[in-house]
Each structure stands twice: as structure tokens, then as C-alpha cells.
N, C-alpha and C. Protein backbone atom coordinates (compact mmCIF):
# COMPACT_ATOMS: atom_id res chain seq x y z
N CYS A 1 -12.46 -3.10 15.30
CA CYS A 1 -10.49 -2.90 14.37
C CYS A 1 -10.52 -1.69 14.33
N GLY A 2 -11.26 -0.53 13.87
CA GLY A 2 -10.94 0.36 13.56
C GLY A 2 -10.74 1.65 14.57
N VAL A 3 -11.19 1.24 15.57
CA VAL A 3 -10.90 2.02 17.10
C VAL A 3 -9.35 2.39 17.03
N CYS A 4 -8.68 0.96 16.70
CA CYS A 4 -7.17 0.97 17.01
C CYS A 4 -6.44 1.09 15.53
N HIS A 5 -6.78 0.54 14.69
CA HIS A 5 -6.52 0.40 13.23
C HIS A 5 -6.93 1.15 12.48
N GLY A 6 -8.07 2.33 12.64
CA GLY A 6 -8.42 3.54 12.06
C GLY A 6 -9.32 2.90 10.84
N PRO A 7 -10.34 3.99 10.82
CA PRO A 7 -11.26 3.65 9.23
C PRO A 7 -10.63 3.14 7.99
N GLY A 8 -10.75 1.63 7.59
CA GLY A 8 -10.49 1.20 6.39
C GLY A 8 -9.54 0.64 6.53
N ALA A 9 -9.08 0.28 7.61
CA ALA A 9 -7.68 -0.50 7.74
C ALA A 9 -6.19 0.45 7.68
N LYS A 10 -6.71 1.80 8.11
CA LYS A 10 -5.45 2.77 7.59
C LYS A 10 -5.17 3.32 9.01
N SER A 11 -4.04 3.19 9.24
CA SER A 11 -3.59 3.56 10.76
C SER A 11 -3.32 5.03 10.62
N GLY A 12 -3.27 5.51 11.68
CA GLY A 12 -3.24 7.04 12.02
C GLY A 12 -1.88 7.03 12.23
N GLY A 13 -0.94 6.05 12.25
CA GLY A 13 0.02 6.20 12.29
C GLY A 13 0.75 5.57 13.95
N VAL A 14 0.31 5.27 14.78
CA VAL A 14 0.85 4.76 15.99
C VAL A 14 0.62 3.18 16.09
N ILE A 15 -0.51 2.80 15.77
CA ILE A 15 -0.67 1.27 15.07
C ILE A 15 -0.45 0.59 13.81
N LYS A 16 0.02 -0.02 13.65
CA LYS A 16 -0.02 -0.28 12.19
C LYS A 16 -0.62 -0.46 11.26
N ASP A 17 -0.50 0.03 10.43
CA ASP A 17 -1.54 -0.23 9.54
C ASP A 17 -1.59 -1.57 8.66
N LEU A 18 -2.79 -1.97 8.87
CA LEU A 18 -3.22 -3.35 8.31
C LEU A 18 -2.92 -3.93 6.90
N ARG A 19 -3.24 -2.13 6.05
CA ARG A 19 -2.91 -2.62 4.23
C ARG A 19 -1.73 -3.02 3.92
N HIS A 20 -0.49 -2.80 4.89
CA HIS A 20 0.65 -3.39 4.52
C HIS A 20 1.18 -4.81 5.42
N MET A 21 0.28 -5.56 5.37
CA MET A 21 0.77 -6.49 6.53
C MET A 21 1.44 -7.35 5.35
N PRO A 22 2.73 -7.46 5.82
CA PRO A 22 3.62 -8.94 5.36
C PRO A 22 3.09 -10.36 5.31
N ALA A 23 3.33 -11.09 4.02
CA ALA A 23 3.00 -12.34 4.19
C ALA A 23 2.48 -12.96 5.15
N GLY A 24 3.59 -13.28 5.96
CA GLY A 24 3.44 -14.35 7.04
C GLY A 24 2.55 -13.92 8.15
N MET A 25 2.07 -12.85 8.68
CA MET A 25 1.18 -12.01 9.35
C MET A 25 -0.23 -12.68 8.84
N HIS A 26 -0.32 -12.35 7.13
CA HIS A 26 -1.62 -13.42 6.75
C HIS A 26 -1.93 -14.42 7.10
N LEU A 27 -0.76 -15.47 7.56
CA LEU A 27 -0.56 -16.32 7.46
C LEU A 27 -1.17 -17.07 8.92
N VAL A 28 -1.03 -15.85 9.67
CA VAL A 28 -1.47 -16.51 11.11
C VAL A 28 -2.37 -15.31 11.58
N PHE A 29 -3.06 -14.69 10.53
CA PHE A 29 -4.55 -13.64 11.16
C PHE A 29 -5.25 -14.03 11.94
N GLU A 30 -5.41 -15.34 11.59
CA GLU A 30 -6.92 -16.06 12.90
C GLU A 30 -6.06 -15.87 14.08
N ASP A 31 -5.00 -16.47 14.56
CA ASP A 31 -4.14 -17.03 15.72
C ASP A 31 -3.93 -15.50 16.48
N ILE A 32 -3.88 -14.48 15.51
CA ILE A 32 -3.47 -12.81 16.02
C ILE A 32 -4.83 -12.45 16.66
N VAL A 33 -6.08 -12.49 16.10
CA VAL A 33 -7.10 -11.88 15.91
C VAL A 33 -7.99 -13.20 17.34
N LEU A 34 -7.69 -14.08 16.92
CA LEU A 34 -8.63 -15.08 17.98
C LEU A 34 -8.04 -15.54 18.92
N GLY A 35 -6.52 -16.42 18.56
CA GLY A 35 -5.74 -16.80 19.75
C GLY A 35 -4.83 -16.08 20.53
N GLY A 36 -4.85 -14.75 20.18
CA GLY A 36 -4.15 -13.48 20.79
C GLY A 36 -2.93 -13.88 21.11
N ILE A 37 -1.99 -14.20 19.95
CA ILE A 37 -0.11 -14.39 20.10
C ILE A 37 -0.12 -12.85 20.10
N LEU A 38 -0.24 -12.11 19.61
CA LEU A 38 0.56 -10.55 19.91
C LEU A 38 -0.16 -10.30 21.01
N LYS A 39 -0.46 -10.65 22.02
CA LYS A 39 -1.43 -9.73 23.41
C LYS A 39 -0.07 -9.31 23.90
N ASP A 40 0.96 -9.77 23.94
CA ASP A 40 2.19 -9.11 24.44
C ASP A 40 2.59 -7.63 23.81
N ARG A 41 2.12 -7.28 22.95
CA ARG A 41 2.30 -6.06 21.92
C ARG A 41 0.96 -5.54 22.02
N GLY A 42 0.25 -5.81 22.86
CA GLY A 42 -0.90 -5.04 22.97
C GLY A 42 -2.34 -5.75 21.86
N MET A 43 -2.02 -6.64 21.18
CA MET A 43 -3.43 -7.16 20.28
C MET A 43 -3.73 -7.93 20.85
N VAL A 44 -4.86 -7.98 21.65
CA VAL A 44 -5.92 -8.73 22.65
C VAL A 44 -6.44 -10.08 21.62
N SER A 45 -6.74 -11.38 22.26
CA SER A 45 -7.49 -12.10 21.57
C SER A 45 -9.08 -11.28 21.58
N PHE A 46 -9.76 -11.84 20.33
CA PHE A 46 -11.34 -10.94 20.20
C PHE A 46 -12.07 -12.77 20.40
N ALA A 47 -11.63 -13.68 20.70
CA ALA A 47 -12.16 -14.47 20.46
C ALA A 47 -13.55 -14.94 21.17
N ASP A 48 -13.62 -13.94 22.30
CA ASP A 48 -15.11 -13.69 23.23
C ASP A 48 -15.96 -13.19 22.35
N ASN A 49 -15.75 -12.61 21.36
CA ASN A 49 -16.37 -11.08 20.65
C ASN A 49 -16.83 -11.69 19.15
N LEU A 50 -15.82 -12.69 18.55
CA LEU A 50 -15.48 -13.03 16.85
C LEU A 50 -15.28 -14.49 17.03
N ASP A 51 -16.25 -14.98 15.52
CA ASP A 51 -15.86 -16.40 15.68
C ASP A 51 -14.89 -16.42 14.26
N GLN A 52 -14.49 -17.75 13.74
CA GLN A 52 -14.05 -18.07 12.69
C GLN A 52 -14.03 -17.01 10.89
N GLN A 53 -15.63 -16.99 11.06
CA GLN A 53 -16.11 -16.31 10.10
C GLN A 53 -15.83 -15.20 10.01
N ASP A 54 -15.93 -14.65 11.36
CA ASP A 54 -15.75 -13.04 11.49
C ASP A 54 -14.50 -12.71 10.95
N VAL A 55 -13.40 -13.29 11.54
CA VAL A 55 -12.37 -13.02 10.96
C VAL A 55 -11.78 -13.20 9.96
N THR A 56 -12.11 -14.26 9.00
CA THR A 56 -12.41 -14.46 7.49
C THR A 56 -12.94 -13.31 6.86
N ASP A 57 -14.17 -12.86 7.62
CA ASP A 57 -14.38 -11.34 6.50
C ASP A 57 -13.55 -10.42 6.93
N ILE A 58 -13.21 -10.26 8.49
CA ILE A 58 -12.31 -9.17 8.45
C ILE A 58 -10.99 -9.18 7.52
N HIS A 59 -10.43 -10.24 7.67
CA HIS A 59 -9.13 -10.56 6.88
C HIS A 59 -9.28 -10.25 5.25
N GLN A 60 -10.41 -10.89 4.89
CA GLN A 60 -10.95 -10.27 3.41
C GLN A 60 -10.83 -9.09 3.07
N TYR A 61 -11.51 -8.49 4.08
CA TYR A 61 -11.39 -6.78 4.11
C TYR A 61 -10.29 -5.98 4.28
N VAL A 62 -9.55 -6.44 5.16
CA VAL A 62 -8.14 -5.84 4.94
C VAL A 62 -7.20 -6.07 3.39
N ILE A 63 -7.33 -7.43 3.09
CA ILE A 63 -6.62 -7.37 1.64
C ILE A 63 -7.38 -6.36 0.79
N GLN A 64 -8.33 -6.33 0.73
CA GLN A 64 -9.46 -5.30 -0.48
C GLN A 64 -8.85 -3.93 -0.32
N GLN A 65 -8.83 -3.70 0.98
CA GLN A 65 -8.46 -2.46 1.13
C GLN A 65 -6.83 -2.26 1.12
N ALA A 66 -5.91 -3.15 1.19
CA ALA A 66 -4.47 -3.24 0.50
C ALA A 66 -4.45 -3.35 -0.97
N HIS A 67 -5.64 -3.62 -1.86
CA HIS A 67 -5.69 -3.99 -3.09
C HIS A 67 -6.00 -2.40 -3.71
N VAL A 68 -6.92 -1.54 -2.45
CA VAL A 68 -7.37 -0.56 -3.20
C VAL A 68 -6.06 0.51 -3.33
N LEU A 69 -5.60 0.43 -1.66
CA LEU A 69 -4.11 1.46 -1.59
C LEU A 69 -3.31 1.29 -2.92
N ARG A 70 -2.84 -0.19 -3.14
CA ARG A 70 -1.52 -0.28 -4.43
C ARG A 70 -2.34 0.67 -5.58
N GLU A 71 -3.85 -0.12 -5.99
CA GLU A 71 -4.48 0.92 -7.28
C GLU A 71 -3.84 2.28 -6.71
N LYS A 72 -4.54 3.26 -6.09
CA LYS A 72 -4.33 4.16 -5.78
C LYS A 72 -3.09 4.60 -6.13
N GLU A 73 -2.11 3.78 -5.47
CA GLU A 73 -0.66 4.26 -5.67
C GLU A 73 -0.14 4.40 -7.02
N LYS A 74 -0.49 3.29 -7.81
CA LYS A 74 -0.27 3.60 -9.19
C LYS A 74 -0.15 4.57 -10.07
N TYR A 75 -1.65 5.14 -9.45
CA TYR A 75 -1.96 6.54 -10.11
C TYR A 75 -1.45 7.95 -9.55
N HIS A 76 -0.70 7.61 -8.66
CA HIS A 76 0.16 8.72 -7.91
C HIS A 76 1.69 8.95 -8.07
């Protein structure tokens, strides 16, 4: 994930910063990562490399990074 989306889910600007995902994207996160529903936008399916638990773990990590960002923004 970090190759395109950056370390800590923080994008370098070209690819979307996953920490700012809208609520609707969270609802279809598995469909994006495993199902490839955004393949026309360059986000291919990773079903050959990841399973549902991997995607759940990744999604939880992204959510955690979003919380860290919000906490930082509170104090700046």
C-alpha cells in the first residue's frame, strides 16, 4: 500500500491520502482492495495477494492513522 499511498497512509500528493477517505469509501473498502471496483482509476484488485483478514487489518490501520492525524490537527 505504501508504495502508492505513502508511509502511514499519507500520500505524497499524487495518490489520494487514505486518511481522508469519505465514509462511503470505508463501506466499500474490501470491494476496492479485493474486488477491484476502482481498477479503471488505477487501483487494481489485490485478491491474489491479500485475504479478507489482511484487508480488515489494513483498513483498521488506515482508520487508526486518520485518528492520529485528527489528534495532531487539534493541537496545531
